[in-house]
Amino acid sequence: MEPLKPEQKEAALCNNPQAAPEDIDEYERLLAARFSVDPSLSRSPEESISAEMRENRLKELYIKIFGSNS
């Protein structure tokens, strides 16, 4: 996974006026967190809840930034 290129960020912001640069920053931060976790390792209940919340927020941000048809 690599960060979005500046032109990709600009296009997303132009195509989706409800999105803000902060949304893209949060989206990239959460994606990086997703890829830093080894899914084969067992997790505590708190970590599982946190991971579920992260995935839900990623979905929300994806729709906000890229639209639901992407």
PDB file of N, CA and C in Angstrom:
ATOM      1  N   MET A   1       0.841  -1.171   0.000  1.00  0.00           N
ATOM      2  CA  MET A   1       0.000   0.000   0.000  1.00  0.00           C
ATOM      3  C   MET A   1       0.884   1.232   0.000  1.00  0.00           C
ATOM      4  N   GLU A   2       0.578   2.152  -0.852  1.00  0.00           N
ATOM      5  CA  GLU A   2       1.325   3.399  -0.854  1.00  0.00           C
ATOM      6  C   GLU A   2       0.345   4.553  -0.667  1.00  0.00           C
ATOM      7  N   PRO A   3       0.827   5.663  -0.136  1.00  0.00           N
ATOM      8  CA  PRO A   3      -0.059   6.813   0.079  1.00  0.00           C
ATOM      9  C   PRO A   3      -0.627   7.323  -1.246  1.00  0.00           C
ATOM     10  N   LEU A   4      -1.744   7.988  -1.139  1.00  0.00           N
ATOM     11  CA  LEU A   4      -2.325   8.606  -2.329  1.00  0.00           C
ATOM     12  C   LEU A   4      -1.386   9.684  -2.852  1.00  0.00           C
ATOM     13  N   LYS A   5      -1.323   9.777  -4.150  1.00  0.00           N
ATOM     14  CA  LYS A   5      -0.511  10.815  -4.777  1.00  0.00           C
ATOM     15  C   LYS A   5      -1.249  12.144  -4.654  1.00  0.00           C
ATOM     16  N   PRO A   6      -0.509  13.250  -4.650  1.00  0.00           N
ATOM     17  CA  PRO A   6      -1.170  14.558  -4.518  1.00  0.00           C
ATOM     18  C   PRO A   6      -2.293  14.773  -5.537  1.00  0.00           C
ATOM     19  N   GLU A   7      -2.086  14.324  -6.769  1.00  0.00           N
ATOM     20  CA  GLU A   7      -3.135  14.512  -7.779  1.00  0.00           C
ATOM     21  C   GLU A   7      -4.360  13.646  -7.492  1.00  0.00           C
ATOM     22  N   GLN A   8      -4.167  12.485  -6.858  1.00  0.00           N
ATOM     23  CA  GLN A   8      -5.301  11.643  -6.471  1.00  0.00           C
ATOM     24  C   GLN A   8      -6.095  12.308  -5.347  1.00  0.00           C
ATOM     25  N   LYS A   9      -5.374  12.891  -4.402  1.00  0.00           N
ATOM     26  CA  LYS A   9      -6.036  13.605  -3.308  1.00  0.00           C
ATOM     27  C   LYS A   9      -6.829  14.785  -3.851  1.00  0.00           C
ATOM     28  N   GLU A  10      -6.214  15.546  -4.737  1.00  0.00           N
ATOM     29  CA  GLU A  10      -6.880  16.712  -5.320  1.00  0.00           C
ATOM     30  C   GLU A  10      -8.132  16.296  -6.085  1.00  0.00           C
ATOM     31  N   ALA A  11      -8.031  15.228  -6.864  1.00  0.00           N
ATOM     32  CA  ALA A  11      -9.185  14.741  -7.628  1.00  0.00           C
ATOM     33  C   ALA A  11     -10.307  14.293  -6.696  1.00  0.00           C
ATOM     34  N   ALA A  12      -9.955  13.591  -5.636  1.00  0.00           N
ATOM     35  CA  ALA A  12     -10.969  13.127  -4.685  1.00  0.00           C
ATOM     36  C   ALA A  12     -11.671  14.308  -4.034  1.00  0.00           C
ATOM     37  N   LEU A  13     -10.907  15.324  -3.657  1.00  0.00           N
ATOM     38  CA  LEU A  13     -11.499  16.497  -3.017  1.00  0.00           C
ATOM     39  C   LEU A  13     -12.371  17.287  -3.992  1.00  0.00           C
ATOM     40  N   CYS A  14     -11.975  17.359  -5.244  1.00  0.00           N
ATOM     41  CA  CYS A  14     -12.769  18.070  -6.260  1.00  0.00           C
ATOM     42  C   CYS A  14     -14.058  17.321  -6.583  1.00  0.00           C
ATOM     43  N   ASN A  15     -13.975  16.002  -6.645  1.00  0.00           N
ATOM     44  CA  ASN A  15     -15.133  15.186  -7.015  1.00  0.00           C
ATOM     45  C   ASN A  15     -16.110  14.975  -5.868  1.00  0.00           C
ATOM     46  N   ASN A  16     -15.654  15.163  -4.650  1.00  0.00           N
ATOM     47  CA  ASN A  16     -16.491  14.926  -3.474  1.00  0.00           C
ATOM     48  C   ASN A  16     -16.348  16.097  -2.513  1.00  0.00           C
ATOM     49  N   PRO A  17     -17.149  17.152  -2.707  1.00  0.00           N
ATOM     50  CA  PRO A  17     -16.998  18.360  -1.898  1.00  0.00           C
ATOM     51  C   PRO A  17     -17.229  18.148  -0.405  1.00  0.00           C
ATOM     52  N   GLN A  18     -17.881  17.052  -0.033  1.00  0.00           N
ATOM     53  CA  GLN A  18     -18.084  16.783   1.388  1.00  0.00           C
ATOM     54  C   GLN A  18     -16.799  16.301   2.063  1.00  0.00           C
ATOM     55  N   ALA A  19     -15.819  15.893   1.283  1.00  0.00           N
ATOM     56  CA  ALA A  19     -14.543  15.411   1.830  1.00  0.00           C
ATOM     57  C   ALA A  19     -13.610  16.582   2.108  1.00  0.00           C
ATOM     58  N   ALA A  20     -12.807  16.426   3.148  1.00  0.00           N
ATOM     59  CA  ALA A  20     -11.832  17.448   3.531  1.00  0.00           C
ATOM     60  C   ALA A  20     -10.443  16.815   3.562  1.00  0.00           C
ATOM     61  N   PRO A  21      -9.405  17.623   3.450  1.00  0.00           N
ATOM     62  CA  PRO A  21      -8.044  17.074   3.534  1.00  0.00           C
ATOM     63  C   PRO A  21      -7.817  16.263   4.810  1.00  0.00           C
ATOM     64  N   GLU A  22      -8.452  16.673   5.897  1.00  0.00           N
ATOM     65  CA  GLU A  22      -8.315  15.945   7.164  1.00  0.00           C
ATOM     66  C   GLU A  22      -8.886  14.538   7.050  1.00  0.00           C
ATOM     67  N   ASP A  23      -9.936  14.377   6.249  1.00  0.00           N
ATOM     68  CA  ASP A  23     -10.518  13.046   6.038  1.00  0.00           C
ATOM     69  C   ASP A  23      -9.516  12.128   5.341  1.00  0.00           C
ATOM     70  N   ILE A  24      -8.821  12.666   4.361  1.00  0.00           N
ATOM     71  CA  ILE A  24      -7.816  11.870   3.647  1.00  0.00           C
ATOM     72  C   ILE A  24      -6.673  11.508   4.583  1.00  0.00           C
ATOM     73  N   ASP A  25      -6.255  12.453   5.414  1.00  0.00           N
ATOM     74  CA  ASP A  25      -5.188  12.169   6.380  1.00  0.00           C
ATOM     75  C   ASP A  25      -5.602  11.048   7.331  1.00  0.00           C
ATOM     76  N   GLU A  26      -6.831  11.133   7.843  1.00  0.00           N
ATOM     77  CA  GLU A  26      -7.323  10.098   8.757  1.00  0.00           C
ATOM     78  C   GLU A  26      -7.436   8.753   8.038  1.00  0.00           C
ATOM     79  N   TYR A  27      -7.931   8.764   6.810  1.00  0.00           N
ATOM     80  CA  TYR A  27      -8.069   7.541   6.018  1.00  0.00           C
ATOM     81  C   TYR A  27      -6.709   6.860   5.842  1.00  0.00           C
ATOM     82  N   GLU A  28      -5.696   7.633   5.472  1.00  0.00           N
ATOM     83  CA  GLU A  28      -4.359   7.060   5.274  1.00  0.00           C
ATOM     84  C   GLU A  28      -3.769   6.553   6.592  1.00  0.00           C
ATOM     85  N   ARG A  29      -4.030   7.271   7.685  1.00  0.00           N
ATOM     86  CA  ARG A  29      -3.525   6.838   8.995  1.00  0.00           C
ATOM     87  C   ARG A  29      -4.171   5.516   9.410  1.00  0.00           C
ATOM     88  N   LEU A  30      -5.480   5.411   9.220  1.00  0.00           N
ATOM     89  CA  LEU A  30      -6.182   4.178   9.582  1.00  0.00           C
ATOM     90  C   LEU A  30      -5.778   3.008   8.693  1.00  0.00           C
ATOM     91  N   LEU A  31      -5.548   3.275   7.413  1.00  0.00           N
ATOM     92  CA  LEU A  31      -5.067   2.213   6.522  1.00  0.00           C
ATOM     93  C   LEU A  31      -3.700   1.710   6.969  1.00  0.00           C
ATOM     94  N   ALA A  32      -2.829   2.633   7.327  1.00  0.00           N
ATOM     95  CA  ALA A  32      -1.498   2.238   7.798  1.00  0.00           C
ATOM     96  C   ALA A  32      -1.619   1.389   9.062  1.00  0.00           C
ATOM     97  N   ALA A  33      -2.533   1.764   9.955  1.00  0.00           N
ATOM     98  CA  ALA A  33      -2.739   0.989  11.183  1.00  0.00           C
ATOM     99  C   ALA A  33      -3.241  -0.409  10.847  1.00  0.00           C
ATOM    100  N   ARG A  34      -4.121  -0.513   9.860  1.00  0.00           N
ATOM    101  CA  ARG A  34      -4.644  -1.819   9.447  1.00  0.00           C
ATOM    102  C   ARG A  34      -3.508  -2.734   9.000  1.00  0.00           C
ATOM    103  N   PHE A  35      -2.588  -2.202   8.228  1.00  0.00           N
ATOM    104  CA  PHE A  35      -1.515  -3.026   7.681  1.00  0.00           C
ATOM    105  C   PHE A  35      -0.373  -3.259   8.669  1.00  0.00           C
ATOM    106  N   SER A  36      -0.432  -2.623   9.827  1.00  0.00           N
ATOM    107  CA  SER A  36       0.617  -2.836  10.822  1.00  0.00           C
ATOM    108  C   SER A  36       0.254  -3.951  11.804  1.00  0.00           C
ATOM    109  N   VAL A  37      -0.945  -4.513  11.669  1.00  0.00           N
ATOM    110  CA  VAL A  37      -1.421  -5.557  12.577  1.00  0.00           C
ATOM    111  C   VAL A  37      -1.335  -6.909  11.876  1.00  0.00           C
ATOM    112  N   ASP A  38      -0.775  -7.875  12.564  1.00  0.00           N
ATOM    113  CA  ASP A  38      -0.693  -9.237  12.032  1.00  0.00           C
ATOM    114  C   ASP A  38      -2.006  -9.954  12.343  1.00  0.00           C
ATOM    115  N   PRO A  39      -2.823 -10.252  11.329  1.00  0.00           N
ATOM    116  CA  PRO A  39      -4.129 -10.865  11.584  1.00  0.00           C
ATOM    117  C   PRO A  39      -4.043 -12.285  12.138  1.00  0.00           C
ATOM    118  N   SER A  40      -2.884 -12.924  12.031  1.00  0.00           N
ATOM    119  CA  SER A  40      -2.759 -14.292  12.538  1.00  0.00           C
ATOM    120  C   SER A  40      -2.535 -14.333  14.048  1.00  0.00           C
ATOM    121  N   LEU A  41      -2.227 -13.198  14.646  1.00  0.00           N
ATOM    122  CA  LEU A  41      -2.025 -13.152  16.091  1.00  0.00           C
ATOM    123  C   LEU A  41      -3.360 -12.971  16.796  1.00  0.00           C
ATOM    124  N   SER A  42      -3.506 -13.644  17.942  1.00  0.00           N
ATOM    125  CA  SER A  42      -4.742 -13.476  18.695  1.00  0.00           C
ATOM    126  C   SER A  42      -4.762 -12.078  19.312  1.00  0.00           C
ATOM    127  N   ARG A  43      -5.966 -11.563  19.453  1.00  0.00           N
ATOM    128  CA  ARG A  43      -6.122 -10.217  19.991  1.00  0.00           C
ATOM    129  C   ARG A  43      -7.015 -10.253  21.211  1.00  0.00           C
ATOM    130  N   SER A  44      -6.821  -9.273  22.066  1.00  0.00           N
ATOM    131  CA  SER A  44      -7.692  -9.136  23.228  1.00  0.00           C
ATOM    132  C   SER A  44      -9.052  -8.623  22.750  1.00  0.00           C
ATOM    133  N   PRO A  45     -10.076  -8.759  23.575  1.00  0.00           N
ATOM    134  CA  PRO A  45     -11.392  -8.229  23.186  1.00  0.00           C
ATOM    135  C   PRO A  45     -11.343  -6.731  22.870  1.00  0.00           C
ATOM    136  N   GLU A  46     -10.551  -5.990  23.634  1.00  0.00           N
ATOM    137  CA  GLU A  46     -10.428  -4.548  23.399  1.00  0.00           C
ATOM    138  C   GLU A  46      -9.809  -4.266  22.030  1.00  0.00           C
ATOM    139  N   GLU A  47      -8.796  -5.043  21.672  1.00  0.00           N
ATOM    140  CA  GLU A  47      -8.151  -4.863  20.369  1.00  0.00           C
ATOM    141  C   GLU A  47      -9.102  -5.235  19.235  1.00  0.00           C
ATOM    142  N   SER A  48      -9.913  -6.256  19.456  1.00  0.00           N
ATOM    143  CA  SER A  48     -10.883  -6.660  18.435  1.00  0.00           C
ATOM    144  C   SER A  48     -11.927  -5.572  18.218  1.00  0.00           C
ATOM    145  N   ILE A  49     -12.390  -4.975  19.303  1.00  0.00           N
ATOM    146  CA  ILE A  49     -13.359  -3.878  19.202  1.00  0.00           C
ATOM    147  C   ILE A  49     -12.732  -2.691  18.494  1.00  0.00           C
ATOM    148  N   SER A  50     -11.500  -2.378  18.853  1.00  0.00           N
ATOM    149  CA  SER A  50     -10.794  -1.266  18.224  1.00  0.00           C
ATOM    150  C   SER A  50     -10.624  -1.508  16.726  1.00  0.00           C
ATOM    151  N   ALA A  51     -10.287  -2.729  16.353  1.00  0.00           N
ATOM    152  CA  ALA A  51     -10.117  -3.070  14.937  1.00  0.00           C
ATOM    153  C   ALA A  51     -11.444  -2.947  14.195  1.00  0.00           C
ATOM    154  N   GLU A  52     -12.521  -3.375  14.823  1.00  0.00           N
ATOM    155  CA  GLU A  52     -13.839  -3.268  14.190  1.00  0.00           C
ATOM    156  C   GLU A  52     -14.233  -1.803  14.003  1.00  0.00           C
ATOM    157  N   MET A  53     -13.968  -0.982  15.010  1.00  0.00           N
ATOM    158  CA  MET A  53     -14.264   0.447  14.910  1.00  0.00           C
ATOM    159  C   MET A  53     -13.426   1.087  13.803  1.00  0.00           C
ATOM    160  N   ARG A  54     -12.161   0.689  13.707  1.00  0.00           N
ATOM    161  CA  ARG A  54     -11.277   1.221  12.667  1.00  0.00           C
ATOM    162  C   ARG A  54     -11.816   0.863  11.287  1.00  0.00           C
ATOM    163  N   GLU A  55     -12.234  -0.388  11.104  1.00  0.00           N
ATOM    164  CA  GLU A  55     -12.752  -0.819   9.807  1.00  0.00           C
ATOM    165  C   GLU A  55     -14.038  -0.079   9.445  1.00  0.00           C
ATOM    166  N   ASN A  56     -14.898   0.133  10.425  1.00  0.00           N
ATOM    167  CA  ASN A  56     -16.129   0.878  10.166  1.00  0.00           C
ATOM    168  C   ASN A  56     -15.822   2.315   9.763  1.00  0.00           C
ATOM    169  N   ARG A  57     -14.872   2.938  10.457  1.00  0.00           N
ATOM    170  CA  ARG A  57     -14.500   4.317  10.124  1.00  0.00           C
ATOM    171  C   ARG A  57     -13.848   4.375   8.743  1.00  0.00           C
ATOM    172  N   LEU A  58     -13.033   3.384   8.408  1.00  0.00           N
ATOM    173  CA  LEU A  58     -12.427   3.338   7.074  1.00  0.00           C
ATOM    174  C   LEU A  58     -13.503   3.289   5.990  1.00  0.00           C
ATOM    175  N   LYS A  59     -14.539   2.494   6.205  1.00  0.00           N
ATOM    176  CA  LYS A  59     -15.631   2.404   5.231  1.00  0.00           C
ATOM    177  C   LYS A  59     -16.327   3.753   5.072  1.00  0.00           C
ATOM    178  N   GLU A  60     -16.606   4.413   6.206  1.00  0.00           N
ATOM    179  CA  GLU A  60     -17.250   5.729   6.161  1.00  0.00           C
ATOM    180  C   GLU A  60     -16.397   6.731   5.387  1.00  0.00           C
ATOM    181  N   LEU A  61     -15.116   6.751   5.704  1.00  0.00           N
ATOM    182  CA  LEU A  61     -14.221   7.697   5.041  1.00  0.00           C
ATOM    183  C   LEU A  61     -14.078   7.386   3.558  1.00  0.00           C
ATOM    184  N   TYR A  62     -14.004   6.118   3.207  1.00  0.00           N
ATOM    185  CA  TYR A  62     -13.884   5.735   1.797  1.00  0.00           C
ATOM    186  C   TYR A  62     -15.064   6.288   1.001  1.00  0.00           C
ATOM    187  N   ILE A  63     -16.256   6.095   1.526  1.00  0.00           N
ATOM    188  CA  ILE A  63     -17.454   6.591   0.842  1.00  0.00           C
ATOM    189  C   ILE A  63     -17.432   8.113   0.767  1.00  0.00           C
ATOM    190  N   LYS A  64     -17.032   8.758   1.846  1.00  0.00           N
ATOM    191  CA  LYS A  64     -16.983  10.221   1.874  1.00  0.00           C
ATOM    192  C   LYS A  64     -15.960  10.770   0.885  1.00  0.00           C
ATOM    193  N   ILE A  65     -14.808  10.127   0.796  1.00  0.00           N
ATOM    194  CA  ILE A  65     -13.708  10.630  -0.040  1.00  0.00           C
ATOM    195  C   ILE A  65     -13.875  10.231  -1.499  1.00  0.00           C
ATOM    196  N   PHE A  66     -14.213   8.981  -1.741  1.00  0.00           N
ATOM    197  CA  PHE A  66     -14.224   8.455  -3.105  1.00  0.00           C
ATOM    198  C   PHE A  66     -15.622   8.248  -3.676  1.00  0.00           C
ATOM    199  N   GLY A  67     -16.628   8.392  -2.859  1.00  0.00           N
ATOM    200  CA  GLY A  67     -17.992   8.167  -3.320  1.00  0.00           C
ATOM    201  C   GLY A  67     -18.358   6.703  -3.203  1.00  0.00           C
ATOM    202  N   SER A  68     -19.634   6.420  -3.197  1.00  0.00           N
ATOM    203  CA  SER A  68     -20.082   5.036  -2.990  1.00  0.00           C
ATOM    204  C   SER A  68     -19.944   4.174  -4.237  1.00  0.00           C
ATOM    205  N   ASN A  69     -19.699   4.776  -5.386  1.00  0.00           N
ATOM    206  CA  ASN A  69     -19.591   4.004  -6.628  1.00  0.00           C
ATOM    207  C   ASN A  69     -18.165   3.630  -6.985  1.00  0.00           C
ATOM    208  N   SER A  70     -17.205   3.954  -6.137  1.00  0.00           N
ATOM    209  CA  SER A  70     -15.787   3.669  -6.450  1.00  0.00           C
ATOM    210  C   SER A  70     -15.435   2.248  -6.134  1.00  0.00           C
TER     211      SER A  70
END
